């Protein structure tokens, strides 16, 4: 039963995994699909080859409150399947990390002798540096009830933010990029 705690460090890598998968997978495919759709949309220019652009070459529109550039909040008519996949990947990886952290916490509550009062050192440790005159400096992962509680708090809140952001970012051109960056949020909390 105590062996499962040796894998708790994988929760720390979940945000990085999600970021890498989204950036090099669905986001690249989303950008490629938008480029191909932009080429077909260039046929919407007038007879002189000019579109309806402002002085800086950006599409602009007037909604009664003055002219706004689409650079502020670019919208797309519909999200590509790749953009939607980026959100699903981010949510799925964070849900797995959240479920695993909840399992570890509940297991330690119902079986308190597993971690004992001192917690458990994981087999992962690095000798950061050692000078002959100084004691070696070592980095070690330590799992106790407080660490497990923080894992649950951070992964649960991150999962809820990911789910909420699906609706918030709906039809935004930067949807896949946003979810790749959002997946790094929990790594800032460790």
Protein backbone atom coordinates (compact mmCIF):
# COMPACT_ATOMS: atom_id res chain seq x y z
CA UNK A 1 0.00 0.00 0.00
CA UNK A 2 2.87 2.39 0.75
CA UNK A 3 4.31 1.80 -2.71
CA UNK A 4 1.63 3.97 -4.31
CA UNK A 5 3.06 7.04 -2.55
CA UNK A 6 6.31 6.56 -4.45
CA UNK A 7 4.49 7.71 -7.57
CA UNK A 8 3.08 10.91 -6.06
CA UNK A 9 5.81 12.93 -7.80
CA UNK A 10 4.04 12.20 -11.09
CA UNK A 11 1.34 14.66 -10.02
CA UNK A 12 3.97 17.38 -10.17
CA UNK A 13 4.78 16.49 -13.78
CA UNK A 14 1.15 16.45 -14.98
CA UNK A 15 1.02 20.20 -15.82
CA UNK A 16 4.27 20.01 -17.77
CA UNK A 17 3.06 16.94 -19.65
CA UNK A 18 -0.21 18.69 -20.50
CA UNK A 19 1.64 21.79 -21.73
CA UNK A 20 4.01 19.83 -23.96
CA UNK A 21 1.26 17.65 -25.43
CA UNK A 22 -0.99 20.64 -26.21
CA UNK A 23 1.77 22.89 -27.61
CA UNK A 24 3.25 20.27 -29.92
CA UNK A 25 -0.01 18.51 -30.78
CA UNK A 26 -3.43 20.16 -31.07
CA UNK A 27 -2.13 23.74 -31.05
CA UNK A 28 0.12 23.17 -34.06
CA UNK A 29 -2.72 21.44 -35.90
CA UNK A 30 -5.10 24.25 -34.93
CA UNK A 31 -2.71 26.86 -36.34
CA UNK A 32 -2.33 24.87 -39.54
CA UNK A 33 -6.09 24.55 -39.97
CA UNK A 34 -6.59 28.28 -39.39
CA UNK A 35 -3.95 29.14 -42.00
CA UNK A 36 -5.73 27.06 -44.61
CA UNK A 37 -9.08 28.68 -43.76
CA UNK A 38 -7.48 32.15 -43.93
CA UNK A 39 -6.34 31.47 -47.48
CA UNK A 40 -9.91 30.74 -48.54
CA UNK A 41 -11.19 33.83 -46.69
CA UNK A 42 -8.86 36.11 -48.65
CA UNK A 43 -11.36 35.85 -51.52
CA UNK A 44 -13.59 38.26 -49.54
CA UNK A 45 -11.60 41.33 -50.59
CA UNK A 46 -13.11 43.92 -52.89
CA UNK A 47 -12.29 44.31 -56.59
CA UNK A 48 -9.13 46.33 -55.87
CA UNK A 49 -7.77 43.64 -53.55
CA UNK A 50 -8.42 45.67 -50.42
CA UNK A 51 -10.33 44.44 -47.41
CA UNK A 52 -12.03 46.56 -44.81
CA UNK A 53 -8.96 47.34 -42.72
CA UNK A 54 -8.06 50.19 -40.43
CA UNK A 55 -4.93 52.32 -40.90
CA UNK A 56 -2.71 49.60 -39.44
CA UNK A 57 -3.99 46.82 -41.69
CA UNK A 58 -6.15 45.18 -39.01
CA UNK A 59 -9.77 44.29 -39.44
CA UNK A 60 -11.84 46.84 -37.56
CA UNK A 61 -15.53 47.19 -36.82
CA UNK A 62 -17.74 49.80 -35.29
CA UNK A 63 -20.24 48.59 -32.72
CA UNK A 64 -21.53 52.00 -31.71
CA UNK A 65 -18.80 52.49 -29.09
CA UNK A 66 -16.08 53.51 -31.48
CA UNK A 67 -13.76 51.45 -33.61
CA UNK A 68 -12.21 48.43 -31.91
CA UNK A 69 -9.37 46.35 -33.21
CA UNK A 70 -9.79 42.59 -33.22
CA UNK A 71 -6.33 42.34 -31.65
CA UNK A 72 -7.90 43.07 -28.25
CA UNK A 73 -10.08 39.95 -28.22
CA UNK A 74 -9.90 38.06 -31.51
CA UNK A 75 -12.91 35.84 -32.11
CA UNK A 76 -13.49 33.04 -34.57
CA UNK A 77 -16.81 31.90 -35.96
CA UNK A 78 -16.26 28.36 -34.70
CA UNK A 79 -13.48 26.54 -32.90
CA UNK A 80 -11.55 23.93 -34.81
CA UNK A 81 -11.69 20.35 -33.53
CA UNK A 82 -7.99 20.70 -32.64
CA UNK A 83 -8.66 23.66 -30.38
CA UNK A 84 -11.42 21.74 -28.62
CA UNK A 85 -9.06 18.79 -28.25
CA UNK A 86 -6.52 21.00 -26.47
CA UNK A 87 -9.06 21.79 -23.75
CA UNK A 88 -10.02 18.14 -23.45
CA UNK A 89 -6.39 17.08 -23.06
CA UNK A 90 -5.74 19.70 -20.39
CA UNK A 91 -8.86 18.74 -18.46
CA UNK A 92 -8.23 14.99 -18.77
CA UNK A 93 -4.62 15.16 -17.55
CA UNK A 94 -5.56 17.45 -14.66
CA UNK A 95 -8.53 15.19 -13.77
CA UNK A 96 -6.19 12.19 -13.58
CA UNK A 97 -3.75 14.14 -11.37
CA UNK A 98 -6.64 15.35 -9.20
CA UNK A 99 -8.12 11.87 -8.81
CA UNK A 100 -4.71 10.43 -7.90
CA UNK A 101 -4.08 13.16 -5.30
CA UNK A 102 -7.53 12.57 -3.78
CA UNK A 103 -6.81 8.82 -3.68
CA UNK A 104 -3.51 9.41 -1.89
CA UNK A 105 -5.09 11.76 0.64
CA UNK A 106 -8.06 9.52 1.40
CA UNK A 107 -5.79 6.49 1.62
CA UNK A 108 -3.63 8.29 4.18
CA UNK A 109 -6.72 9.28 6.19
CA UNK A 110 -8.18 5.76 6.31
CA UNK A 111 -4.78 4.11 6.79
CA UNK A 112 -2.83 6.60 8.92
CA UNK A 113 -0.07 4.11 9.68
CA UNK A 114 1.02 4.15 6.01
CA UNK A 115 2.74 7.53 6.29
CA UNK A 116 3.12 7.53 10.05
CA UNK A 117 3.71 10.85 11.68
CA UNK A 118 7.03 11.47 9.96
CA UNK A 119 5.78 11.05 6.42
CA UNK A 120 7.63 9.17 3.77
CA UNK A 121 10.68 10.04 1.75
CA UNK A 122 10.39 9.17 -1.89
CA UNK A 123 13.19 7.33 -3.62
CA UNK A 124 13.73 10.41 -5.81
CA UNK A 125 16.58 12.55 -4.63
CA UNK A 126 19.41 14.42 -6.24
CA UNK A 127 22.78 15.44 -4.96
CA UNK A 128 22.63 19.08 -5.92
CA UNK A 129 26.23 19.68 -5.19
CA UNK A 130 28.95 18.61 -2.87
CA UNK A 131 32.12 20.41 -2.03
CA UNK A 132 34.82 18.68 -0.03
CA UNK A 133 34.62 21.27 2.77
CA UNK A 134 30.80 21.29 2.97
CA UNK A 135 28.17 18.67 3.58
CA UNK A 136 26.43 17.51 0.38
CA UNK A 137 23.31 19.44 -0.52
CA UNK A 138 20.53 17.06 -1.41
CA UNK A 139 17.06 17.63 -2.87
CA UNK A 140 14.51 15.11 -1.70
CA UNK A 141 10.74 14.71 -2.06
CA UNK A 142 8.89 14.17 1.19
CA UNK A 143 5.23 13.12 1.40
CA UNK A 144 3.19 13.77 4.51
CA UNK A 145 -0.43 14.70 5.25
CA UNK A 146 0.17 18.41 4.66
CA UNK A 147 1.82 17.78 1.29
CA UNK A 148 -1.06 15.54 0.24
CA UNK A 149 -3.60 18.15 1.33
CA UNK A 150 -1.85 20.79 -0.77
CA UNK A 151 -1.74 18.43 -3.75
CA UNK A 152 -5.51 17.98 -3.46
CA UNK A 153 -6.17 21.72 -3.12
CA UNK A 154 -3.99 22.74 -6.06
CA UNK A 155 -5.14 20.00 -8.45
CA UNK A 156 -8.83 20.42 -7.54
CA UNK A 157 -8.80 24.19 -8.07
CA UNK A 158 -6.82 23.82 -11.27
CA UNK A 159 -9.31 21.26 -12.60
CA UNK A 160 -12.22 23.59 -11.82
CA UNK A 161 -10.45 26.52 -13.53
CA UNK A 162 -9.85 24.36 -16.62
CA UNK A 163 -13.52 23.35 -16.77
CA UNK A 164 -14.75 26.93 -16.27
CA UNK A 165 -12.36 28.26 -18.92
CA UNK A 166 -13.96 26.16 -21.63
CA UNK A 167 -17.02 28.39 -21.64
CA UNK A 168 -15.12 31.57 -20.88
CA UNK A 169 -12.79 31.22 -23.87
CA UNK A 170 -15.47 30.02 -26.27
CA UNK A 171 -14.82 31.21 -29.85
CA UNK A 172 -11.53 32.87 -28.93
CA UNK A 173 -8.79 32.59 -31.55
CA UNK A 174 -6.20 31.83 -28.85
CA UNK A 175 -8.15 28.90 -27.37
CA UNK A 176 -5.46 26.21 -27.80
CA UNK A 177 -2.65 28.53 -26.73
CA UNK A 178 -4.65 29.60 -23.67
CA UNK A 179 -5.16 26.01 -22.55
CA UNK A 180 -1.49 25.19 -23.04
CA UNK A 181 -0.52 28.10 -20.79
CA UNK A 182 -3.32 27.37 -18.34
CA UNK A 183 -2.02 23.85 -17.90
CA UNK A 184 1.17 25.35 -16.43
CA UNK A 185 -0.80 27.11 -13.67
CA UNK A 186 -0.53 24.29 -11.07
CA UNK A 187 3.24 24.07 -11.53
CA UNK A 188 3.48 27.64 -10.23
CA UNK A 189 1.81 26.56 -7.00
CA UNK A 190 4.09 23.70 -6.01
